[in-house]
Amino acid sequence: MQRFTLARLLMLAPAHLLLLCTIALPSLYVLWLSFTESTYGTTAGFVGFANYTAMLADPYFWRALINTLIVVNVVVYVELALAVGVAVVFVQGVPFRRVLIAIVLMPYAISEVVAVVIWKFMMDPDIGMVERMLAAVGMPLHWAVDPAAGLTLVCIISVWLNLPFSFIIAYAAMRGVPQELYEAAHMDGASAWQSFRYITFPVIFPALLVALIFRYIVAFRLFSEVWLLTGGGPARMTEVLAIYLYKQAFTYADFGRGAAAGWIMVLASGLFAVAYVSRLNKAAFGRGT
């Protein structure tokens, strides 16, 4: 038995070593770096929590944090609601279902950079087809000069890019709901909304929480959409945490402050993940973590 356990550990050792080298050690190095004053051409000097206190006193950090929380919550919940709605339509039955599913999944086949550039071109105030149509009906977005409009466009692009992920999970979960439950509900006179509320949603809820956890973690790293669209402007009003981290580390060459911002992102997304994992555990097994 011990020999068999040792064999298992040896077979898993390459994967563990890979995770150690690519995730654990770099994370610990960044954690150490966050307690130092470091820049190009100098030796890192230990400064304790100075980077964290300076960052917490920086109004640009708080603006980036608030923008991140707003965008993440809007993107994740709007995306999940759309995914559930589209999945319900497909489960009910639509013509050319395979073709339409391929169309829904198409954004996943496009690079983030390419997608944002295409959206930026379509929303260009001078030559953008969509922006000119909005202007023609008296609803120009002005995303390049209005921070709220810029963040709105970021949310739209992010939802469009990541909708396929949430849709796949919601659609697969709905396909797994036993049809006998719907037949029994129909015999009892339940409406379509009641069937969804009392049968579909409770059954797919654990799967939706899994999608929610993954999307929160990924959305906290939001970078490409903001960087390529507004660059954090105007006047750093559309910065998110990832943009703040990038500027601290590579624009201002303050590696310690950038590392501290990175660990704030890790802790923030980790807190959300713990909360939702606890909720998922209760929903799936009837107990907390």
C-alpha atoms as a PDB file:
ATOM      1  CA  MET A   1       0.000   0.000   0.000  1.00  0.00           C
ATOM      2  CA  GLN A   2       2.805   2.434   0.872  1.00  0.00           C
ATOM      3  CA  ARG A   3       4.607   1.538  -2.341  1.00  0.00           C
ATOM      4  CA  PHE A   4       1.396   2.249  -4.340  1.00  0.00           C
ATOM      5  CA  THR A   5       0.947   5.612  -2.578  1.00  0.00           C
ATOM      6  CA  LEU A   6       4.558   6.535  -3.276  1.00  0.00           C
ATOM      7  CA  ALA A   7       4.068   5.627  -6.943  1.00  0.00           C
ATOM      8  CA  ARG A   8       1.066   7.937  -7.104  1.00  0.00           C
ATOM      9  CA  LEU A   9       3.015  10.775  -5.523  1.00  0.00           C
ATOM     10  CA  LEU A  10       5.865  10.277  -7.979  1.00  0.00           C
ATOM     11  CA  MET A  11       3.467  10.399 -10.924  1.00  0.00           C
ATOM     12  CA  LEU A  12       1.934  13.604  -9.590  1.00  0.00           C
ATOM     13  CA  ALA A  13       5.308  15.148  -8.782  1.00  0.00           C
ATOM     14  CA  PRO A  14       5.897  16.720 -12.256  1.00  0.00           C
ATOM     15  CA  ALA A  15       2.525  18.513 -12.107  1.00  0.00           C
ATOM     16  CA  HIS A  16       3.202  19.667  -8.539  1.00  0.00           C
ATOM     17  CA  LEU A  17       6.684  20.833  -9.512  1.00  0.00           C
ATOM     18  CA  LEU A  18       5.258  22.767 -12.463  1.00  0.00           C
ATOM     19  CA  LEU A  19       2.701  24.503 -10.216  1.00  0.00           C
ATOM     20  CA  LEU A  20       5.404  25.236  -7.662  1.00  0.00           C
ATOM     21  CA  CYS A  21       7.710  26.818 -10.247  1.00  0.00           C
ATOM     22  CA  THR A  22       5.089  28.763 -12.218  1.00  0.00           C
ATOM     23  CA  ILE A  23       2.639  29.840  -9.501  1.00  0.00           C
ATOM     24  CA  ALA A  24       3.794  29.345  -5.912  1.00  0.00           C
ATOM     25  CA  LEU A  25       7.386  30.627  -6.140  1.00  0.00           C
ATOM     26  CA  PRO A  26       6.580  33.686  -8.322  1.00  0.00           C
ATOM     27  CA  SER A  27       3.688  34.544  -5.982  1.00  0.00           C
ATOM     28  CA  LEU A  28       5.962  34.386  -2.949  1.00  0.00           C
ATOM     29  CA  TYR A  29       8.565  36.494  -4.749  1.00  0.00           C
ATOM     30  CA  VAL A  30       5.951  39.148  -5.583  1.00  0.00           C
ATOM     31  CA  LEU A  31       4.792  39.056  -1.954  1.00  0.00           C
ATOM     32  CA  TRP A  32       8.355  39.695  -0.776  1.00  0.00           C
ATOM     33  CA  LEU A  33       8.751  42.412  -3.425  1.00  0.00           C
ATOM     34  CA  SER A  34       5.651  44.189  -2.084  1.00  0.00           C
ATOM     35  CA  PHE A  35       7.529  44.815   1.178  1.00  0.00           C
ATOM     36  CA  THR A  36      10.509  46.403  -0.568  1.00  0.00           C
ATOM     37  CA  GLU A  37      11.442  49.604  -2.365  1.00  0.00           C
ATOM     38  CA  SER A  38      12.601  48.477  -5.775  1.00  0.00           C
ATOM     39  CA  THR A  39      13.142  50.020  -9.195  1.00  0.00           C
ATOM     40  CA  TYR A  40      15.387  49.626 -12.227  1.00  0.00           C
ATOM     41  CA  GLY A  41      19.104  49.378 -11.453  1.00  0.00           C
ATOM     42  CA  THR A  42      18.770  49.297  -7.656  1.00  0.00           C
ATOM     43  CA  THR A  43      18.859  46.630  -4.994  1.00  0.00           C
ATOM     44  CA  ALA A  44      15.509  46.011  -3.327  1.00  0.00           C
ATOM     45  CA  GLY A  45      15.408  47.390   0.203  1.00  0.00           C
ATOM     46  CA  PHE A  46      12.958  46.215   2.842  1.00  0.00           C
ATOM     47  CA  VAL A  47      10.420  48.909   3.808  1.00  0.00           C
ATOM     48  CA  GLY A  48       7.770  46.862   5.612  1.00  0.00           C
ATOM     49  CA  PHE A  49       4.192  47.921   4.938  1.00  0.00           C
ATOM     50  CA  ALA A  50       5.188  51.295   3.488  1.00  0.00           C
ATOM     51  CA  ASN A  51       4.015  50.343  -0.016  1.00  0.00           C
ATOM     52  CA  TYR A  52       0.627  49.259   1.281  1.00  0.00           C
ATOM     53  CA  THR A  53       0.118  52.369   3.414  1.00  0.00           C
ATOM     54  CA  ALA A  54       1.201  54.654   0.563  1.00  0.00           C
ATOM     55  CA  MET A  55      -1.124  52.851  -1.836  1.00  0.00           C
ATOM     56  CA  LEU A  56      -4.067  53.052   0.569  1.00  0.00           C
ATOM     57  CA  ALA A  57      -3.446  56.798   0.837  1.00  0.00           C
ATOM     58  CA  ASP A  58      -3.410  57.185  -2.957  1.00  0.00           C
ATOM     59  CA  PRO A  59      -6.764  58.479  -4.342  1.00  0.00           C
ATOM     60  CA  TYR A  60      -5.988  56.907  -7.725  1.00  0.00           C
ATOM     61  CA  PHE A  61      -5.880  53.482  -6.053  1.00  0.00           C
ATOM     62  CA  TRP A  62      -9.314  53.951  -4.519  1.00  0.00           C
ATOM     63  CA  ARG A  63     -10.714  55.187  -7.819  1.00  0.00           C
ATOM     64  CA  ALA A  64      -9.252  52.118  -9.556  1.00  0.00           C
ATOM     65  CA  LEU A  65     -10.676  49.829  -6.862  1.00  0.00           C
ATOM     66  CA  ILE A  66     -14.157  51.378  -7.098  1.00  0.00           C
ATOM     67  CA  ASN A  67     -14.083  51.192 -10.905  1.00  0.00           C
ATOM     68  CA  THR A  68     -13.028  47.545 -10.685  1.00  0.00           C
ATOM     69  CA  LEU A  69     -15.818  46.641  -8.260  1.00  0.00           C
ATOM     70  CA  ILE A  70     -18.420  48.442 -10.380  1.00  0.00           C
ATOM     71  CA  VAL A  71     -17.284  46.894 -13.652  1.00  0.00           C
ATOM     72  CA  VAL A  72     -16.824  43.409 -12.207  1.00  0.00           C
ATOM     73  CA  ASN A  73     -20.270  43.310 -10.605  1.00  0.00           C
ATOM     74  CA  VAL A  74     -22.017  44.729 -13.668  1.00  0.00           C
ATOM     75  CA  VAL A  75     -20.179  42.421 -16.055  1.00  0.00           C
ATOM     76  CA  VAL A  76     -20.552  39.221 -14.033  1.00  0.00           C
ATOM     77  CA  TYR A  77     -24.236  39.541 -13.159  1.00  0.00           C
ATOM     78  CA  VAL A  78     -25.375  40.922 -16.521  1.00  0.00           C
ATOM     79  CA  GLU A  79     -23.384  38.234 -18.295  1.00  0.00           C
ATOM     80  CA  LEU A  80     -24.832  35.471 -16.110  1.00  0.00           C
ATOM     81  CA  ALA A  81     -28.387  36.752 -16.567  1.00  0.00           C
ATOM     82  CA  LEU A  82     -27.930  36.885 -20.353  1.00  0.00           C
ATOM     83  CA  ALA A  83     -26.371  33.417 -20.361  1.00  0.00           C
ATOM     84  CA  VAL A  84     -29.307  31.948 -18.450  1.00  0.00           C
ATOM     85  CA  GLY A  85     -31.794  33.706 -20.737  1.00  0.00           C
ATOM     86  CA  VAL A  86     -30.088  32.501 -23.914  1.00  0.00           C
ATOM     87  CA  ALA A  87     -29.755  28.981 -22.476  1.00  0.00           C
ATOM     88  CA  VAL A  88     -33.497  28.886 -21.692  1.00  0.00           C
ATOM     89  CA  VAL A  89     -34.273  29.829 -25.291  1.00  0.00           C
ATOM     90  CA  PHE A  90     -32.007  27.091 -26.649  1.00  0.00           C
ATOM     91  CA  VAL A  91     -33.342  24.456 -24.261  1.00  0.00           C
ATOM     92  CA  GLN A  92     -36.919  25.286 -25.295  1.00  0.00           C
ATOM     93  CA  GLY A  93     -35.912  24.602 -28.882  1.00  0.00           C
ATOM     94  CA  VAL A  94     -34.935  26.884 -31.758  1.00  0.00           C
ATOM     95  CA  PRO A  95     -34.449  26.186 -35.472  1.00  0.00           C
ATOM     96  CA  PHE A  96     -30.857  25.738 -36.647  1.00  0.00           C
ATOM     97  CA  ARG A  97     -29.807  25.192 -33.036  1.00  0.00           C
ATOM     98  CA  ARG A  98     -26.265  24.017 -33.835  1.00  0.00           C
ATOM     99  CA  VAL A  99     -25.594  26.995 -36.094  1.00  0.00           C
ATOM    100  CA  LEU A 100     -26.932  29.437 -33.507  1.00  0.00           C
ATOM    101  CA  ILE A 101     -24.887  27.822 -30.720  1.00  0.00           C
ATOM    102  CA  ALA A 102     -21.775  28.216 -32.896  1.00  0.00           C
ATOM    103  CA  ILE A 103     -22.642  31.911 -33.347  1.00  0.00           C
ATOM    104  CA  VAL A 104     -23.068  32.389 -29.583  1.00  0.00           C
ATOM    105  CA  LEU A 105     -19.703  30.702 -28.953  1.00  0.00           C
ATOM    106  CA  MET A 106     -17.927  32.681 -31.687  1.00  0.00           C
ATOM    107  CA  PRO A 107     -16.502  35.430 -29.416  1.00  0.00           C
ATOM    108  CA  TYR A 108     -14.395  32.757 -27.687  1.00  0.00           C
ATOM    109  CA  ALA A 109     -12.605  32.151 -30.975  1.00  0.00           C
ATOM    110  CA  ILE A 110     -11.483  35.788 -31.203  1.00  0.00           C
ATOM    111  CA  SER A 111      -8.441  37.201 -29.465  1.00  0.00           C
ATOM    112  CA  GLU A 112      -9.208  39.783 -26.762  1.00  0.00           C
ATOM    113  CA  VAL A 113      -6.920  42.304 -28.433  1.00  0.00           C
ATOM    114  CA  VAL A 114      -8.529  41.832 -31.851  1.00  0.00           C
ATOM    115  CA  ALA A 115     -12.024  42.034 -30.367  1.00  0.00           C
ATOM    116  CA  VAL A 116     -11.316  45.280 -28.482  1.00  0.00           C
ATOM    117  CA  VAL A 117      -9.704  46.854 -31.570  1.00  0.00           C
ATOM    118  CA  ILE A 118     -12.766  45.931 -33.654  1.00  0.00           C
ATOM    119  CA  TRP A 119     -15.120  47.390 -31.045  1.00  0.00           C
ATOM    120  CA  LYS A 120     -12.978  50.529 -30.808  1.00  0.00           C
ATOM    121  CA  PHE A 121     -13.158  50.932 -34.583  1.00  0.00           C
ATOM    122  CA  MET A 122     -16.954  50.442 -34.600  1.00  0.00           C
ATOM    123  CA  MET A 123     -17.362  52.971 -31.772  1.00  0.00           C
ATOM    124  CA  ASP A 124     -14.984  55.579 -33.228  1.00  0.00           C
ATOM    125  CA  PRO A 125     -16.704  58.998 -33.010  1.00  0.00           C
ATOM    126  CA  ASP A 126     -15.654  59.917 -36.553  1.00  0.00           C
ATOM    127  CA  ILE A 127     -15.816  56.727 -38.619  1.00  0.00           C
ATOM    128  CA  GLY A 128     -17.369  54.149 -36.317  1.00  0.00           C
ATOM    129  CA  MET A 129     -20.538  52.603 -37.769  1.00  0.00           C
ATOM    130  CA  VAL A 130     -22.209  51.930 -34.409  1.00  0.00           C
ATOM    131  CA  GLU A 131     -21.284  55.296 -32.876  1.00  0.00           C
ATOM    132  CA  ARG A 132     -22.614  57.149 -35.935  1.00  0.00           C
ATOM    133  CA  MET A 133     -25.878  55.195 -35.735  1.00  0.00           C
ATOM    134  CA  LEU A 134     -26.199  56.106 -32.045  1.00  0.00           C
ATOM    135  CA  ALA A 135     -25.474  59.751 -32.868  1.00  0.00           C
ATOM    136  CA  ALA A 136     -28.118  59.692 -35.614  1.00  0.00           C
ATOM    137  CA  VAL A 137     -30.809  58.762 -33.063  1.00  0.00           C
ATOM    138  CA  GLY A 138     -29.525  61.299 -30.543  1.00  0.00           C
ATOM    139  CA  MET A 139     -27.737  58.818 -28.255  1.00  0.00           C
ATOM    140  CA  PRO A 140     -23.995  59.307 -28.837  1.00  0.00           C
ATOM    141  CA  LEU A 141     -21.884  57.461 -26.270  1.00  0.00           C
ATOM    142  CA  HIS A 142     -18.914  59.874 -26.074  1.00  0.00           C
ATOM    143  CA  TRP A 143     -16.902  57.076 -24.461  1.00  0.00           C
ATOM    144  CA  ALA A 144     -13.548  58.738 -25.187  1.00  0.00           C
ATOM    145  CA  VAL A 145     -14.285  61.791 -23.011  1.00  0.00           C
ATOM    146  CA  ASP A 146     -16.984  60.574 -20.599  1.00  0.00           C
ATOM    147  CA  PRO A 147     -15.611  58.152 -17.935  1.00  0.00           C
ATOM    148  CA  ALA A 148     -19.045  56.642 -17.247  1.00  0.00           C
ATOM    149  CA  ALA A 149     -19.598  56.008 -20.951  1.00  0.00           C
ATOM    150  CA  GLY A 150     -16.088  54.567 -21.252  1.00  0.00           C
ATOM    151  CA  LEU A 151     -16.692  52.100 -18.421  1.00  0.00           C
ATOM    152  CA  THR A 152     -20.079  51.243 -19.926  1.00  0.00           C
ATOM    153  CA  LEU A 153     -18.426  50.328 -23.205  1.00  0.00           C
ATOM    154  CA  VAL A 154     -15.823  48.286 -21.308  1.00  0.00           C
ATOM    155  CA  CYS A 155     -18.663  46.358 -19.644  1.00  0.00           C
ATOM    156  CA  ILE A 156     -20.380  45.731 -22.990  1.00  0.00           C
ATOM    157  CA  ILE A 157     -17.186  44.422 -24.584  1.00  0.00           C
ATOM    158  CA  SER A 158     -16.324  42.228 -21.598  1.00  0.00           C
ATOM    159  CA  VAL A 159     -19.829  40.720 -21.487  1.00  0.00           C
ATOM    160  CA  TRP A 160     -19.719  40.017 -25.224  1.00  0.00           C
ATOM    161  CA  LEU A 161     -16.293  38.399 -24.974  1.00  0.00           C
ATOM    162  CA  ASN A 162     -17.051  36.124 -22.023  1.00  0.00           C
ATOM    163  CA  LEU A 163     -20.733  35.294 -22.532  1.00  0.00           C
ATOM    164  CA  PRO A 164     -19.871  31.926 -24.185  1.00  0.00           C
ATOM    165  CA  PHE A 165     -18.270  30.645 -20.953  1.00  0.00           C
ATOM    166  CA  SER A 166     -21.327  31.331 -18.796  1.00  0.00           C
ATOM    167  CA  PHE A 167     -23.656  30.154 -21.551  1.00  0.00           C
ATOM    168  CA  ILE A 168     -21.929  26.769 -21.846  1.00  0.00           C
ATOM    169  CA  ILE A 169     -22.243  26.144 -18.098  1.00  0.00           C
ATOM    170  CA  ALA A 170     -25.871  27.299 -17.886  1.00  0.00           C
ATOM    171  CA  TYR A 171     -26.899  25.397 -21.024  1.00  0.00           C
ATOM    172  CA  ALA A 172     -25.208  22.163 -19.917  1.00  0.00           C
ATOM    173  CA  ALA A 173     -26.804  22.436 -16.456  1.00  0.00           C
ATOM    174  CA  MET A 174     -30.274  22.981 -17.936  1.00  0.00           C
ATOM    175  CA  ARG A 175     -29.886  20.017 -20.258  1.00  0.00           C
ATOM    176  CA  GLY A 176     -29.282  17.896 -17.153  1.00  0.00           C
ATOM    177  CA  VAL A 177     -32.557  18.797 -15.438  1.00  0.00           C
ATOM    178  CA  PRO A 178     -34.810  15.667 -15.417  1.00  0.00           C
ATOM    179  CA  GLN A 179     -37.783  16.081 -17.748  1.00  0.00           C
ATOM    180  CA  GLU A 180     -39.983  14.206 -15.273  1.00  0.00           C
ATOM    181  CA  LEU A 181     -39.892  17.252 -13.010  1.00  0.00           C
ATOM    182  CA  TYR A 182     -41.317  19.467 -15.745  1.00  0.00           C
ATOM    183  CA  GLU A 183     -43.973  16.899 -16.615  1.00  0.00           C
ATOM    184  CA  ALA A 184     -45.074  16.707 -12.982  1.00  0.00           C
ATOM    185  CA  ALA A 185     -45.149  20.503 -12.714  1.00  0.00           C
ATOM    186  CA  HIS A 186     -47.206  20.747 -15.914  1.00  0.00           C
ATOM    187  CA  MET A 187     -49.693  18.206 -14.535  1.00  0.00           C
ATOM    188  CA  ASP A 188     -50.015  20.386 -11.408  1.00  0.00           C
ATOM    189  CA  GLY A 189     -50.769  23.452 -13.544  1.00  0.00           C
ATOM    190  CA  ALA A 190     -47.457  25.280 -13.056  1.00  0.00           C
ATOM    191  CA  SER A 191     -46.705  28.140 -15.440  1.00  0.00           C
ATOM    192  CA  ALA A 192     -43.465  28.448 -17.397  1.00  0.00           C
ATOM    193  CA  TRP A 193     -42.140  31.003 -14.886  1.00  0.00           C
ATOM    194  CA  GLN A 194     -43.046  28.790 -11.925  1.00  0.00           C
ATOM    195  CA  SER A 195     -41.293  25.824 -13.564  1.00  0.00           C
ATOM    196  CA  PHE A 196     -38.181  27.892 -14.032  1.00  0.00           C
ATOM    197  CA  ARG A 197     -38.282  29.384 -10.531  1.00  0.00           C
ATOM    198  CA  TYR A 198     -39.006  26.215  -8.581  1.00  0.00           C
ATOM    199  CA  ILE A 199     -37.388  23.534 -10.774  1.00  0.00           C
ATOM    200  CA  THR A 200     -34.801  24.870 -13.236  1.00  0.00           C
ATOM    201  CA  PHE A 201     -33.153  27.528 -11.095  1.00  0.00           C
ATOM    202  CA  PRO A 202     -32.680  25.436  -7.910  1.00  0.00           C
ATOM    203  CA  VAL A 203     -31.201  22.574  -9.949  1.00  0.00           C
ATOM    204  CA  ILE A 204     -28.772  24.725 -11.947  1.00  0.00           C
ATOM    205  CA  PHE A 205     -27.899  27.024  -9.021  1.00  0.00           C
ATOM    206  CA  PRO A 206     -24.676  25.165  -8.018  1.00  0.00           C
ATOM    207  CA  ALA A 207     -23.470  25.297 -11.637  1.00  0.00           C
ATOM    208  CA  LEU A 208     -24.226  29.024 -11.815  1.00  0.00           C
ATOM    209  CA  LEU A 209     -22.226  29.582  -8.631  1.00  0.00           C
ATOM    210  CA  VAL A 210     -19.263  27.795 -10.210  1.00  0.00           C
ATOM    211  CA  ALA A 211     -19.545  30.096 -13.240  1.00  0.00           C
ATOM    212  CA  LEU A 212     -19.840  33.071 -10.891  1.00  0.00           C
ATOM    213  CA  ILE A 213     -16.671  32.146  -9.004  1.00  0.00           C
ATOM    214  CA  PHE A 214     -14.596  31.728 -12.153  1.00  0.00           C
ATOM    215  CA  ARG A 215     -15.943  34.900 -13.739  1.00  0.00           C
ATOM    216  CA  TYR A 216     -15.278  36.982 -10.602  1.00  0.00           C
ATOM    217  CA  ILE A 217     -11.680  35.775 -10.446  1.00  0.00           C
ATOM    218  CA  VAL A 218     -11.077  36.393 -14.153  1.00  0.00           C
ATOM    219  CA  ALA A 219     -12.964  39.707 -14.211  1.00  0.00           C
ATOM    220  CA  PHE A 220     -10.777  41.092 -11.416  1.00  0.00           C
ATOM    221  CA  ARG A 221      -7.856  40.805 -13.843  1.00  0.00           C
ATOM    222  CA  LEU A 222      -9.647  43.009 -16.392  1.00  0.00           C
ATOM    223  CA  PHE A 223      -6.932  44.743 -18.413  1.00  0.00           C
ATOM    224  CA  SER A 224      -7.096  44.453 -22.213  1.00  0.00           C
ATOM    225  CA  GLU A 225     -10.517  46.062 -22.626  1.00  0.00           C
ATOM    226  CA  VAL A 226      -9.611  49.141 -20.583  1.00  0.00           C
ATOM    227  CA  TRP A 227      -6.007  49.481 -21.720  1.00  0.00           C
ATOM    228  CA  LEU A 228      -6.767  49.245 -25.450  1.00  0.00           C
ATOM    229  CA  LEU A 229      -9.959  51.294 -25.279  1.00  0.00           C
ATOM    230  CA  THR A 230      -9.239  54.225 -22.929  1.00  0.00           C
ATOM    231  CA  GLY A 231      -5.781  53.534 -21.466  1.00  0.00           C
ATOM    232  CA  GLY A 232      -7.297  54.454 -18.103  1.00  0.00           C
ATOM    233  CA  GLY A 233      -8.193  57.968 -19.252  1.00  0.00           C
ATOM    234  CA  PRO A 234      -9.406  60.596 -19.372  1.00  0.00           C
ATOM    235  CA  ALA A 235      -7.444  61.819 -16.328  1.00  0.00           C
ATOM    236  CA  ARG A 236      -7.143  58.241 -15.000  1.00  0.00           C
ATOM    237  CA  MET A 237     -10.909  58.176 -14.403  1.00  0.00           C
ATOM    238  CA  THR A 238     -11.423  54.752 -16.019  1.00  0.00           C
ATOM    239  CA  GLU A 239      -8.469  52.977 -14.429  1.00  0.00           C
ATOM    240  CA  VAL A 240      -9.048  49.540 -12.934  1.00  0.00           C
ATOM    241  CA  LEU A 241      -6.733  47.702 -10.547  1.00  0.00           C
ATOM    242  CA  ALA A 242      -4.835  45.897 -13.294  1.00  0.00           C
ATOM    243  CA  ILE A 243      -4.134  49.212 -15.061  1.00  0.00           C
ATOM    244  CA  TYR A 244      -3.084  50.781 -11.752  1.00  0.00           C
ATOM    245  CA  LEU A 245      -0.709  47.867 -11.118  1.00  0.00           C
ATOM    246  CA  TYR A 246       0.774  48.133 -14.627  1.00  0.00           C
ATOM    247  CA  LYS A 247       1.375  51.869 -14.346  1.00  0.00           C
ATOM    248  CA  GLN A 248       2.946  51.616 -10.894  1.00  0.00           C
ATOM    249  CA  ALA A 249       5.295  48.828 -11.944  1.00  0.00           C
ATOM    250  CA  PHE A 250       6.180  49.677 -15.543  1.00  0.00           C
ATOM    251  CA  THR A 251       5.304  53.342 -16.118  1.00  0.00           C
ATOM    252  CA  TYR A 252       6.560  54.718 -12.798  1.00  0.00           C
ATOM    253  CA  ALA A 253       9.041  51.833 -12.242  1.00  0.00           C
ATOM    254  CA  ASP A 254       7.854  51.325  -8.658  1.00  0.00           C
ATOM    255  CA  PHE A 255       7.991  47.542  -8.467  1.00  0.00           C
ATOM    256  CA  GLY A 256       7.204  47.424  -4.756  1.00  0.00           C
ATOM    257  CA  ARG A 257       3.985  49.435  -5.142  1.00  0.00           C
ATOM    258  CA  GLY A 258       3.021  47.388  -8.199  1.00  0.00           C
ATOM    259  CA  ALA A 259       3.585  44.131  -6.292  1.00  0.00           C
ATOM    260  CA  ALA A 260       1.482  45.442  -3.413  1.00  0.00           C
ATOM    261  CA  ALA A 261      -1.337  46.275  -5.852  1.00  0.00           C
ATOM    262  CA  GLY A 262      -1.063  42.762  -7.249  1.00  0.00           C
ATOM    263  CA  TRP A 263      -1.511  41.209  -3.827  1.00  0.00           C
ATOM    264  CA  ILE A 264      -4.477  43.492  -3.092  1.00  0.00           C
ATOM    265  CA  MET A 265      -6.068  42.088  -6.265  1.00  0.00           C
ATOM    266  CA  VAL A 266      -5.326  38.529  -5.128  1.00  0.00           C
ATOM    267  CA  LEU A 267      -6.836  39.128  -1.686  1.00  0.00           C
ATOM    268  CA  ALA A 268      -9.929  40.882  -3.073  1.00  0.00           C
ATOM    269  CA  SER A 269     -10.700  38.160  -5.607  1.00  0.00           C
ATOM    270  CA  GLY A 270      -9.879  35.524  -2.973  1.00  0.00           C
ATOM    271  CA  LEU A 271     -12.427  36.980  -0.552  1.00  0.00           C
ATOM    272  CA  PHE A 272     -15.113  36.846  -3.229  1.00  0.00           C
ATOM    273  CA  ALA A 273     -14.117  33.283  -4.116  1.00  0.00           C
ATOM    274  CA  VAL A 274     -14.269  32.133  -0.476  1.00  0.00           C
ATOM    275  CA  ALA A 275     -17.718  33.676  -0.034  1.00  0.00           C
ATOM    276  CA  TYR A 276     -19.098  32.009  -3.137  1.00  0.00           C
ATOM    277  CA  VAL A 277     -17.409  28.666  -2.465  1.00  0.00           C
ATOM    278  CA  SER A 278     -19.008  28.680   0.993  1.00  0.00           C
ATOM    279  CA  ARG A 279     -22.388  29.410  -0.603  1.00  0.00           C
ATOM    280  CA  LEU A 280     -21.806  26.685  -3.192  1.00  0.00           C
ATOM    281  CA  ASN A 281     -20.921  24.180  -0.486  1.00  0.00           C
ATOM    282  CA  LYS A 282     -24.126  24.977   1.383  1.00  0.00           C
ATOM    283  CA  ALA A 283     -26.207  24.730  -1.784  1.00  0.00           C
ATOM    284  CA  ALA A 284     -24.662  21.458  -2.908  1.00  0.00           C
ATOM    285  CA  PHE A 285     -24.083  19.647   0.388  1.00  0.00           C
ATOM    286  CA  GLY A 286     -26.131  21.554   2.944  1.00  0.00           C
ATOM    287  CA  ARG A 287     -23.131  22.666   5.010  1.00  0.00           C
ATOM    288  CA  GLY A 288     -20.646  25.515   5.216  1.00  0.00           C
ATOM    289  CA  THR A 289     -16.927  25.426   4.569  1.00  0.00           C
END
